[in-house]
Protein backbone atom coordinates (compact mmCIF):
# COMPACT_ATOMS: atom_id res chain seq x y z
CA MET A 1 -2.40 4.35 5.77
CA SER A 2 -4.21 6.22 8.28
CA GLY A 3 -7.93 5.79 8.23
CA PRO A 4 -10.35 2.93 8.56
CA SER A 5 -8.55 0.14 6.90
CA GLY A 6 -5.99 0.80 4.34
CA LEU A 7 -2.46 -0.47 4.87
CA GLY A 8 -0.66 2.23 2.98
CA PRO A 9 0.79 0.79 -0.11
CA VAL A 10 3.49 3.03 -1.34
CA TYR A 11 4.89 5.81 0.80
CA THR A 12 5.40 5.11 4.43
CA PRO A 13 7.91 6.86 6.67
CA PRO A 14 10.54 5.67 9.15
CA PRO A 15 9.41 3.72 12.20
CA GLN A 16 7.39 5.81 14.63
CA PRO A 17 5.92 5.23 18.09
CA ALA A 18 2.86 2.99 18.30
CA ARG A 19 0.06 4.46 16.21
CA PRO A 20 -3.53 3.88 17.19
CA ILE A 21 -5.42 4.17 13.92
CA TRP A 22 -4.95 2.91 10.37
CA PRO A 23 -1.42 1.59 10.99
CA TRP A 24 -0.99 0.24 7.50
CA ALA A 25 -0.89 3.77 6.08
CA SER A 26 1.80 4.85 8.47
CA LEU A 27 4.37 2.09 8.35
CA GLY A 28 8.06 2.92 8.07
CA ILE A 29 8.42 1.69 4.51
CA ALA A 30 7.01 2.43 1.07
CA LEU A 31 5.42 -0.60 -0.52
CA VAL A 32 4.66 -1.70 -4.07
CA VAL A 33 1.88 -4.27 -3.97
CA VAL A 34 -0.15 -6.25 -6.49
CA ALA A 35 -2.62 -3.37 -6.55
CA GLY A 36 0.08 -1.28 -8.19
CA LEU A 37 -0.08 -3.53 -11.21
CA ALA A 38 -3.75 -4.31 -10.74
CA VAL A 39 -4.19 -0.68 -11.77
CA TRP A 40 -3.25 -1.88 -15.23
CA LEU A 41 -5.98 -4.47 -15.12
CA LEU A 42 -8.49 -1.95 -13.74
CA LEU A 43 -7.70 0.32 -16.66
CA GLY A 44 -8.36 -2.46 -19.15
CA GLY A 45 -4.72 -2.91 -20.13
CA GLY A 46 -4.79 0.29 -22.12
CA GLY A 47 -3.00 2.62 -19.76
CA PRO A 48 -4.40 5.82 -18.31
CA ALA A 49 -6.97 7.61 -20.42
CA ALA A 50 -5.41 10.49 -22.32
CA SER A 51 -2.00 9.41 -21.13
CA PRO A 52 0.33 12.23 -22.13
CA SER A 53 3.06 11.52 -24.60
CA PRO A 54 6.45 12.14 -23.05
CA THR A 55 7.63 15.68 -23.52
CA PRO A 56 11.13 16.16 -24.96
CA ALA A 57 12.54 16.25 -21.43
CA ALA A 58 10.83 12.95 -20.75
CA VAL A 59 12.45 11.10 -23.62
CA VAL A 60 14.64 8.91 -21.51
CA SER A 61 18.36 8.67 -22.01
CA PRO A 62 21.11 7.37 -19.76
CA THR A 63 22.83 9.86 -17.52
CA PRO A 64 26.55 10.40 -18.05
CA GLY A 65 28.82 7.92 -16.37
CA ARG A 66 26.29 5.08 -16.49
CA SER A 67 26.50 2.10 -18.80
CA PRO A 68 22.92 0.93 -19.08
CA THR A 69 22.03 -2.41 -20.52
CA ALA A 70 19.06 -2.45 -22.84
CA PRO A 71 16.04 -3.85 -21.01
CA SER A 72 15.13 -7.35 -22.06
CA THR A 73 11.86 -7.57 -23.97
CA SER A 74 11.97 -11.24 -24.81
CA ALA A 75 12.82 -13.06 -21.60
CA PRO A 76 9.81 -14.36 -19.70
CA ALA A 77 9.17 -13.07 -16.22
CA SER A 78 11.18 -14.95 -13.64
CA PRO A 79 9.45 -16.67 -10.73
CA SER A 80 9.98 -13.67 -8.48
CA ALA A 81 8.60 -11.35 -11.12
CA SER A 82 5.16 -12.20 -9.81
CA PRO A 83 4.07 -10.22 -6.77
CA GLY A 84 3.79 -13.37 -4.74
CA GLY A 85 7.35 -14.40 -5.50
CA SER A 86 6.36 -17.62 -7.24
CA PRO A 87 5.73 -18.68 -10.85
CA VAL A 88 2.32 -17.84 -12.22
CA GLY A 89 -0.10 -20.60 -11.40
CA SER A 90 2.28 -22.56 -9.17
CA PRO A 91 2.85 -22.68 -5.43
CA SER A 92 5.65 -20.74 -3.80
CA PRO A 93 8.92 -22.71 -3.82
CA PRO A 94 10.58 -23.64 -0.55
CA ALA A 95 13.03 -21.17 0.90
CA SER A 96 16.54 -21.52 -0.49
CA PRO A 97 19.92 -20.06 0.49
CA TRP A 98 19.95 -16.39 -0.36
CA GLY A 99 22.19 -14.98 -3.02
CA ALA A 100 22.31 -11.76 -4.99
CA PRO A 101 21.23 -11.68 -8.64
CA ASP A 102 24.04 -11.57 -11.16
CA ASP A 103 25.64 -8.49 -12.70
CA GLY A 104 23.29 -8.64 -15.68
CA VAL A 105 20.26 -7.99 -13.52
CA ARG A 106 22.05 -5.21 -11.68
CA ALA A 107 22.98 -3.64 -15.00
CA GLU A 108 19.32 -3.69 -16.04
CA ILE A 109 18.32 -2.03 -12.78
CA ASP A 110 21.05 0.59 -13.18
CA ALA A 111 19.77 1.32 -16.69
CA ILE A 112 16.25 1.98 -15.40
CA VAL A 113 17.55 4.11 -12.54
CA ALA A 114 19.51 6.21 -15.04
CA GLN A 115 16.39 6.82 -17.13
CA ILE A 116 14.01 8.01 -14.41
CA PRO A 117 15.51 11.44 -13.49
CA PRO A 118 15.18 12.99 -16.97
CA LEU A 119 11.67 11.55 -17.24
CA ARG A 120 10.53 12.84 -13.85
CA GLN A 121 12.68 15.99 -14.21
CA LEU A 122 14.21 15.52 -10.77
CA GLU A 123 17.94 15.05 -10.57
CA PRO A 124 19.14 12.69 -7.82
CA LEU A 125 20.71 14.47 -4.86
CA ALA A 126 22.40 11.29 -3.66
CA ASP A 127 22.96 7.74 -4.83
CA VAL A 128 20.11 5.36 -4.06
CA PRO A 129 21.33 1.88 -3.15
CA TYR A 130 19.12 -1.15 -3.63
CA GLU A 131 19.12 -4.57 -2.08
CA PHE A 132 17.38 -7.92 -2.56
CA VAL A 133 15.51 -9.60 0.28
CA SER A 134 13.68 -12.89 0.51
CA ARG A 135 9.93 -12.99 0.95
CA GLU A 136 10.35 -14.81 4.25
CA GLU A 137 12.65 -12.05 5.51
CA PHE A 138 10.17 -9.38 4.43
CA GLN A 139 7.25 -11.14 6.10
CA THR A 140 9.18 -11.27 9.36
CA ASP A 141 10.12 -7.61 9.07
CA LEU A 142 6.51 -6.69 8.29
CA GLN A 143 5.27 -8.39 11.45
CA ASP A 144 7.92 -6.60 13.51
CA LEU A 145 7.07 -3.27 11.88
CA ILE A 146 3.34 -3.59 12.53
CA ASP A 147 4.00 -4.65 16.12
CA ASP A 148 6.41 -1.75 16.66
CA GLU A 149 4.17 0.92 15.18
CA THR A 150 0.73 -0.32 16.11
CA ASP A 151 -0.93 -0.31 19.48
CA PRO A 152 -2.66 -3.73 19.55
CA GLU A 153 -5.50 -2.33 21.65
CA ALA A 154 -6.08 0.50 19.17
CA LEU A 155 -6.05 -1.92 16.25
CA GLY A 156 -8.62 -4.02 18.08
CA THR A 157 -10.72 -0.90 18.64
CA GLU A 158 -10.74 -0.12 14.95
CA GLU A 159 -11.65 -3.72 14.17
CA ARG A 160 -14.67 -3.45 16.47
CA LEU A 161 -15.73 -0.17 14.86
CA LEU A 162 -15.58 -1.55 11.33
CA LYS A 163 -17.58 -4.61 12.32
CA ARG A 164 -20.24 -2.46 13.99
CA LEU A 165 -20.54 -0.43 10.79
CA GLY A 166 -20.95 -3.62 8.79
CA LEU A 167 -17.62 -3.15 7.01
CA LEU A 168 -15.86 -6.29 8.28
CA PRO A 169 -17.15 -9.83 8.88
CA GLU A 170 -17.58 -10.70 12.54
CA ASP A 171 -15.06 -13.56 12.37
CA LEU A 172 -12.25 -11.57 10.70
CA ASP A 173 -9.00 -10.92 12.57
CA LEU A 174 -7.81 -7.55 11.27
CA ARG A 175 -4.14 -7.89 12.20
CA GLU A 176 -3.83 -11.37 10.71
CA THR A 177 -5.65 -10.29 7.57
CA ILE A 178 -3.29 -7.34 7.10
CA LEU A 179 -0.28 -9.62 7.52
CA GLU A 180 -1.69 -12.14 5.04
CA LEU A 181 -2.57 -9.50 2.48
CA TYR A 182 0.64 -7.52 2.57
CA GLY A 183 2.95 -10.42 3.32
CA SER A 184 2.07 -12.01 0.01
CA GLN A 185 1.30 -8.97 -2.14
CA VAL A 186 4.32 -6.73 -1.64
CA ALA A 187 6.86 -6.78 -4.46
CA ALA A 188 9.29 -4.08 -3.33
CA PHE A 189 9.65 -1.26 -0.84
CA TYR A 190 11.61 1.91 -0.16
CA ARG A 191 12.85 2.98 3.27
CA PRO A 192 13.33 6.72 3.74
CA ASP A 193 15.33 6.08 6.89
CA THR A 194 18.00 4.21 4.92
CA GLY A 195 17.47 5.89 1.53
CA THR A 196 17.41 2.38 0.03
CA PHE A 197 14.87 0.46 -2.01
CA TYR A 198 14.48 -3.28 -1.64
CA ILE A 199 13.33 -5.83 -4.19
CA ILE A 200 11.67 -8.97 -2.87
CA GLY A 201 12.93 -12.01 -4.71
CA GLU A 202 16.02 -13.11 -6.57
CA PRO A 203 15.32 -12.43 -10.25
CA GLN A 204 17.78 -13.93 -12.72
CA THR A 205 16.37 -11.59 -15.35
CA LEU A 206 13.97 -8.67 -15.12
CA GLY A 207 10.46 -9.24 -16.37
CA ALA A 208 8.12 -6.40 -17.20
CA PHE A 209 6.69 -6.36 -13.70
CA ASP A 210 10.15 -6.12 -12.11
CA LYS A 211 11.12 -3.25 -14.37
CA LEU A 212 8.03 -1.24 -13.49
CA VAL A 213 8.64 -1.91 -9.79
CA VAL A 214 12.17 -0.51 -10.07
CA ALA A 215 10.89 2.61 -11.87
CA HIS A 216 8.21 3.09 -9.21
CA GLU A 217 10.46 2.64 -6.19
CA TYR A 218 13.26 4.79 -7.54
CA THR A 219 10.70 7.56 -8.08
CA HIS A 220 9.90 7.37 -4.36
CA ALA A 221 13.58 7.89 -3.61
CA LEU A 222 13.61 11.02 -5.79
CA GLN A 223 10.43 12.28 -4.13
CA ASP A 224 11.98 11.81 -0.73
CA GLN A 225 15.25 13.52 -1.66
CA HIS A 226 13.52 16.60 -3.07
CA PHE A 227 10.42 16.96 -0.89
CA ASP A 228 11.33 15.29 2.42
CA LEU A 229 8.04 13.44 2.57
CA GLU A 230 8.43 12.61 6.23
CA SER A 231 8.44 16.28 7.26
CA THR A 232 5.01 16.91 5.71
CA ARG A 233 3.47 13.57 6.68
CA ILE A 234 0.13 13.79 8.44
CA THR A 235 0.68 12.29 11.87
CA ASP A 236 -2.67 12.93 13.57
CA PRO A 237 -4.22 9.44 13.74
CA SER A 238 -7.72 10.90 13.76
CA GLU A 239 -7.21 12.50 10.33
CA GLY A 240 -7.05 9.33 8.30
CA ASP A 241 -8.89 10.74 5.30
CA ALA A 242 -6.32 13.48 4.80
CA ALA A 243 -3.47 11.02 5.33
CA LEU A 244 -4.88 8.69 2.70
CA ALA A 245 -5.22 11.60 0.26
CA GLN A 246 -1.57 12.48 0.84
CA LEU A 247 -0.60 8.87 0.19
CA ALA A 248 -2.59 8.87 -3.05
CA ALA A 249 -0.72 11.93 -4.31
CA ILE A 250 2.62 10.25 -3.59
CA GLU A 251 1.58 6.95 -5.14
CA GLY A 252 -0.13 8.58 -8.08
CA ASP A 253 3.07 10.42 -8.99
CA ALA A 254 5.17 7.25 -8.83
CA SER A 255 2.56 5.29 -10.79
CA LEU A 256 2.42 7.95 -13.52
CA VAL A 257 6.21 7.87 -13.84
CA MET A 258 6.10 4.07 -13.91
CA PHE A 259 3.58 4.03 -16.77
CA GLN A 260 5.33 6.74 -18.77
CA TRP A 261 8.63 4.92 -18.41
CA GLY A 262 7.00 1.65 -19.48
CA PHE A 263 5.34 3.11 -22.58
CA ALA A 264 8.59 4.78 -23.62
CA ASN A 265 10.89 1.82 -23.02
CA ILE A 266 9.02 -1.50 -23.05
CA PRO A 267 5.81 -0.86 -25.03
CA GLY A 268 5.50 -4.47 -26.16
CA GLU A 269 5.88 -5.86 -22.67
CA MET A 270 3.34 -3.38 -21.31
CA LEU A 271 0.66 -5.08 -23.42
CA THR A 272 1.23 -8.39 -21.65
CA ILE A 273 1.94 -7.16 -18.13
CA GLY A 274 -1.03 -9.06 -16.75
CA ASP A 275 0.83 -12.31 -17.45
CA SER A 276 3.27 -11.39 -14.66
CA LEU A 277 0.57 -11.35 -12.02
CA ASN A 278 0.08 -14.48 -9.95
CA PRO A 279 -3.58 -15.61 -10.13
CA THR A 280 -3.39 -16.82 -6.54
CA ASP A 281 -2.38 -13.34 -5.37
CA LEU A 282 -5.19 -11.73 -7.36
CA GLU A 283 -7.68 -14.18 -5.86
CA LEU A 284 -6.48 -13.21 -2.38
CA LEU A 285 -6.92 -9.53 -3.22
CA GLU A 286 -10.42 -10.16 -4.56
CA SER A 287 -11.36 -12.13 -1.43
CA MET A 288 -10.61 -9.20 0.87
CA PRO A 289 -13.46 -7.17 2.40
CA PRO A 290 -14.15 -4.14 0.19
CA ILE A 291 -12.94 -1.69 2.86
CA LEU A 292 -9.49 -3.32 2.87
CA ARG A 293 -9.26 -3.83 -0.87
CA ARG A 294 -10.45 -0.33 -1.73
CA GLN A 295 -8.05 1.26 0.74
CA LEU A 296 -5.25 -0.79 -0.82
CA GLU A 297 -6.06 0.03 -4.43
CA PHE A 298 -7.05 3.67 -3.95
CA PRO A 299 -3.59 5.26 -3.67
CA TYR A 300 -2.51 3.53 -6.89
CA ALA A 301 -5.62 3.55 -9.08
CA ASP A 302 -7.35 6.76 -8.03
CA GLY A 303 -4.01 8.35 -7.18
CA LEU A 304 -2.81 7.68 -10.73
CA MET A 305 -5.89 9.28 -12.25
CA PHE A 306 -5.53 12.26 -9.92
CA SER A 307 -1.86 12.75 -10.83
CA LEU A 308 -2.70 12.40 -14.51
CA ALA A 309 -5.33 15.13 -14.17
CA VAL A 310 -2.84 17.38 -12.37
CA PHE A 311 -0.09 16.71 -14.91
CA SER A 312 -2.47 17.38 -17.80
CA GLN A 313 -3.23 20.89 -16.54
CA GLN A 314 0.12 22.09 -17.88
CA PHE A 315 1.67 18.87 -19.20
CA SER A 316 4.53 19.40 -16.80
CA TRP A 317 5.77 18.07 -13.48
CA GLY A 318 5.62 21.40 -11.66
CA PRO A 319 1.98 20.97 -10.55
CA ILE A 320 2.77 17.39 -9.48
CA ASN A 321 5.57 18.73 -7.31
CA GLU A 322 3.07 21.02 -5.62
CA THR A 323 0.90 18.02 -4.68
CA LEU A 324 3.91 16.70 -2.75
CA ARG A 325 4.78 20.02 -1.10
CA THR A 326 1.16 20.79 -0.20
CA PRO A 327 -0.81 17.54 -0.36
CA PRO A 328 -4.50 17.23 -1.18
CA VAL A 329 -6.55 17.54 1.99
CA SER A 330 -9.21 14.88 1.43
CA THR A 331 -9.95 11.75 -0.55
CA GLU A 332 -12.73 13.84 -2.12
CA GLN A 333 -10.03 15.92 -3.82
CA ILE A 334 -8.42 12.74 -5.18
CA LEU A 335 -11.74 11.32 -6.41
CA HIS A 336 -12.75 14.68 -7.91
CA PRO A 337 -9.62 16.58 -9.03
CA ASP A 338 -11.75 19.60 -9.93
CA LYS A 339 -12.32 20.09 -6.20
CA TYR A 340 -8.54 20.07 -5.69
CA PHE A 341 -8.07 22.67 -8.44
CA ALA A 342 -10.83 24.79 -6.88
CA GLY A 343 -9.28 24.51 -3.42
CA GLU A 344 -12.47 23.05 -1.96
CA ALA A 345 -11.45 21.96 1.54
CA PRO A 346 -13.63 19.96 3.96
CA VAL A 347 -15.74 21.81 6.47
CA GLU A 348 -14.82 21.18 10.09
CA VAL A 349 -17.35 18.99 11.87
CA MET A 350 -17.33 19.05 15.66
CA LEU A 351 -18.92 16.53 17.99
CA PRO A 352 -19.25 17.19 21.72
CA ASP A 353 -17.62 14.80 24.16
CA LEU A 354 -20.51 12.48 24.95
CA ALA A 355 -18.84 10.30 27.59
CA ALA A 356 -20.23 12.27 30.53
CA GLY A 357 -23.73 12.23 29.06
CA LEU A 358 -23.57 8.47 28.65
CA GLY A 359 -22.73 8.00 32.32
CA VAL A 360 -20.09 6.46 34.57
CA GLY A 361 -17.71 4.00 32.96
CA TRP A 362 -17.89 5.43 29.43
CA THR A 363 -14.82 6.72 27.53
CA GLN A 364 -14.23 7.82 23.97
CA SER A 365 -12.18 5.06 22.36
CA TYR A 366 -12.03 6.24 18.73
CA THR A 367 -12.50 9.37 16.66
CA GLN A 368 -11.98 9.78 12.94
CA THR A 369 -12.82 11.66 9.76
CA MET A 370 -14.06 8.91 7.45
CA GLY A 371 -14.12 10.94 4.23
CA GLU A 372 -15.75 10.34 0.88
CA LEU A 373 -13.75 7.21 0.09
CA ASN A 374 -14.85 5.28 3.18
CA ILE A 375 -18.41 6.53 2.87
CA GLN A 376 -18.30 5.38 -0.73
CA VAL A 377 -17.30 1.89 0.44
CA TRP A 378 -20.06 1.89 3.07
CA VAL A 379 -22.83 2.89 0.66
CA GLY A 380 -21.52 0.31 -1.83
CA ALA A 381 -22.36 -2.45 0.68
CA GLY A 382 -20.09 -5.00 -0.96
CA GLU A 383 -21.60 -4.74 -4.46
CA ASP A 384 -19.21 -5.18 -7.36
CA PRO A 385 -18.08 -2.11 -9.31
CA THR A 386 -19.34 -1.66 -12.86
CA PRO A 387 -16.55 -2.19 -15.42
CA ALA A 388 -15.41 0.96 -17.14
CA ALA A 389 -17.20 1.66 -20.40
CA VAL A 390 -14.02 3.06 -21.94
CA PRO A 391 -10.54 1.47 -21.64
CA GLY A 392 -8.32 3.69 -19.54
CA GLU A 393 -11.04 4.71 -17.10
CA LEU A 394 -11.61 3.27 -13.63
CA PRO A 395 -14.56 1.03 -12.80
CA VAL A 396 -17.62 2.83 -11.46
CA GLN A 397 -18.09 2.22 -7.75
CA PRO A 398 -21.61 1.13 -6.75
CA HIS A 399 -23.85 3.88 -5.36
CA ALA A 400 -20.94 6.33 -5.53
CA GLU A 401 -23.43 9.14 -6.17
CA ALA A 402 -24.68 8.72 -2.59
CA ALA A 403 -21.20 9.58 -1.28
CA ALA A 404 -20.55 12.43 -3.72
CA GLY A 405 -21.16 15.92 -2.41
CA TRP A 406 -19.46 15.10 0.90
CA GLY A 407 -18.59 18.26 2.76
CA GLY A 408 -16.96 16.91 5.93
CA ASP A 409 -17.65 14.45 8.74
CA ARG A 410 -16.65 13.29 12.19
CA LEU A 411 -17.19 9.94 13.89
CA ALA A 412 -16.70 9.08 17.55
CA MET A 413 -17.06 5.73 19.31
CA TYR A 414 -17.56 5.32 23.05
CA GLU A 415 -17.08 2.11 24.99
CA HIS A 416 -18.03 1.06 28.51
CA THR A 417 -16.03 -1.03 30.91
CA ASP A 418 -18.77 -3.68 30.78
CA GLY A 419 -18.50 -4.03 26.97
CA GLY A 420 -21.23 -1.60 25.96
CA TRP A 421 -20.64 0.68 22.99
CA ALA A 422 -22.10 3.68 21.16
CA ILE A 423 -21.19 5.48 17.92
CA ALA A 424 -22.09 8.99 16.76
CA TRP A 425 -21.30 9.94 13.15
CA GLN A 426 -22.19 13.36 11.73
CA ILE A 427 -21.79 14.11 8.02
CA GLU A 428 -22.14 17.51 6.36
CA TRP A 429 -23.07 17.67 2.68
CA ASP A 430 -22.57 20.32 0.02
CA THR A 431 -26.28 20.68 -0.72
CA PRO A 432 -29.60 19.52 0.74
CA GLU A 433 -29.98 17.29 -2.32
CA ASP A 434 -26.67 15.56 -1.53
CA ALA A 435 -27.83 15.03 2.05
CA ASP A 436 -31.15 13.56 0.89
CA GLU A 437 -29.39 11.19 -1.51
CA PHE A 438 -27.16 9.86 1.25
CA LEU A 439 -30.05 9.71 3.70
CA ALA A 440 -32.06 7.53 1.34
CA ARG A 441 -29.19 5.11 0.76
CA ALA A 442 -28.32 5.01 4.46
CA GLY A 443 -31.90 4.04 5.23
CA GLU A 444 -31.58 1.08 2.88
CA LEU A 445 -28.43 -0.04 4.71
CA GLN A 446 -29.58 0.49 8.27
CA GLY A 447 -30.05 -3.24 8.70
CA THR A 448 -26.31 -3.84 8.18
CA LEU A 449 -25.43 -1.83 11.29
CA GLY A 450 -24.76 -3.59 14.55
CA GLY A 451 -27.06 -3.08 17.55
CA ALA A 452 -29.80 -0.43 17.67
CA SER A 453 -29.53 2.53 15.30
CA GLU A 454 -31.15 5.72 14.07
CA ILE A 455 -30.40 7.80 10.99
CA VAL A 456 -31.33 11.40 11.65
CA ASP A 457 -31.95 14.32 9.31
CA ALA A 458 -30.22 16.85 11.56
CA GLY A 459 -30.45 19.88 9.26
CA PRO A 460 -30.77 20.87 5.60
CA GLN A 461 -27.28 19.56 4.83
CA THR A 462 -26.56 17.40 7.88
CA VAL A 463 -27.09 13.69 8.46
CA ARG A 464 -26.34 12.01 11.76
CA LEU A 465 -26.00 8.26 12.31
CA VAL A 466 -26.21 7.04 15.88
CA LEU A 467 -25.93 3.41 16.92
CA ALA A 468 -25.34 1.49 20.11
CA ASP A 469 -25.29 -2.02 21.50
CA ASP A 470 -28.87 -1.69 22.82
CA GLN A 471 -31.82 0.66 22.73
CA ALA A 472 -31.24 2.06 26.23
CA THR A 473 -27.70 3.12 25.30
CA LEU A 474 -28.95 4.57 22.01
CA ASP A 475 -31.50 6.66 23.92
CA ALA A 476 -28.76 7.93 26.23
CA LEU A 477 -26.57 8.77 23.23
CA THR A 478 -29.27 10.77 21.46
CA ALA A 479 -30.07 12.57 24.71
CA ALA A 480 -26.40 13.48 25.15
CA LEU A 481 -26.42 14.86 21.60
CA GLY A 482 -29.40 17.01 22.54
CA GLU A 483 -31.89 15.30 20.26
């Protein structure tokens, strides 16, 4: 993930040099987390609205040379079928010597793998091996991966920014929270650098959750083989909104395949999929600050609805393939697919370098495009979403109308050697009415900002937020901006 807070759930590329911003969207693995199945709960257990019936090419059948075993529809989910790797409602068992599941489980996995290519209409270009790893092993690897790819100072900088915007509690440790959230929530992952997907746990039989995870992860392997996701990955750490939109397109595709496979092959089990989710894991997810939870759920939930809208244009996978070749350019396009179809790209917002105007000892420590999604979280101010009125639709995010009509934005934070700080954030809106709507909501939330702040109507369609640790610094910041 690459933007304020959002450890990227499902596609993440091979290990890269230390990344300064939104490390969880840029890790070297592709993750399936509880949120992937929480999508089901968000949609009321009824699947995506207007979910397309499989076309003839999507009626799954084993590929030649495979001997698939019919998926079990009667066996209860095994302990590791829950995302947390423990039986529903019970604590995690102590670590035990590791051993591979038996041939029956492997046969079930092979059967699912054989069924995905005709459904997704992408033939495998190479075999995709899979392995089983313990949760303890994954947690260790996750810590190493975050440490390898994340500049601790940059992660601390982002933590300070989010707290100053009122998006994180003052006592929260961002790195430890990420490790806690993903260390317990991840169920499986795919590594493009090895071409292998990994299942966390040692299932003795595949429950419904496990089967969907296999379908999802194998889809990532097909995506990678055909579209070389790493080559098109957004690597600019200051373009987190675009990177999160790209992630949502990748995750939405895999989630749509996962659901179509489930409806076609295990329809009875799909109705009880919520039973496979560990209540403790869901409680942890619900306890997360909204900025972390929303960034985690967005690629799955909103990505699924985006991919469904794209698929439904022609009821074919060709348009979905285009979203992988040329990804959506903003979370706005994911939230509002009509803007993707219309090719409505963000306007470029430029901020001058204000360090010199602030004086000696000041440097720019952070710059980012926040995008509609993160603005949506900010204007929501921690309020609970409204449940969907119709099964198959997503919950309505609070005050989302105040974030709609986003045209583009840029944020920059400056810090002084003595601990002082200042933030300038300029947002362009599609219409003056959109700007006024945001301006009114921002005024209601001004008290949640750290330090001294001003919210400025800087033009018919422009709103500027400026904040600093004290009034003198705020005055210097506004003077540097020419206000």
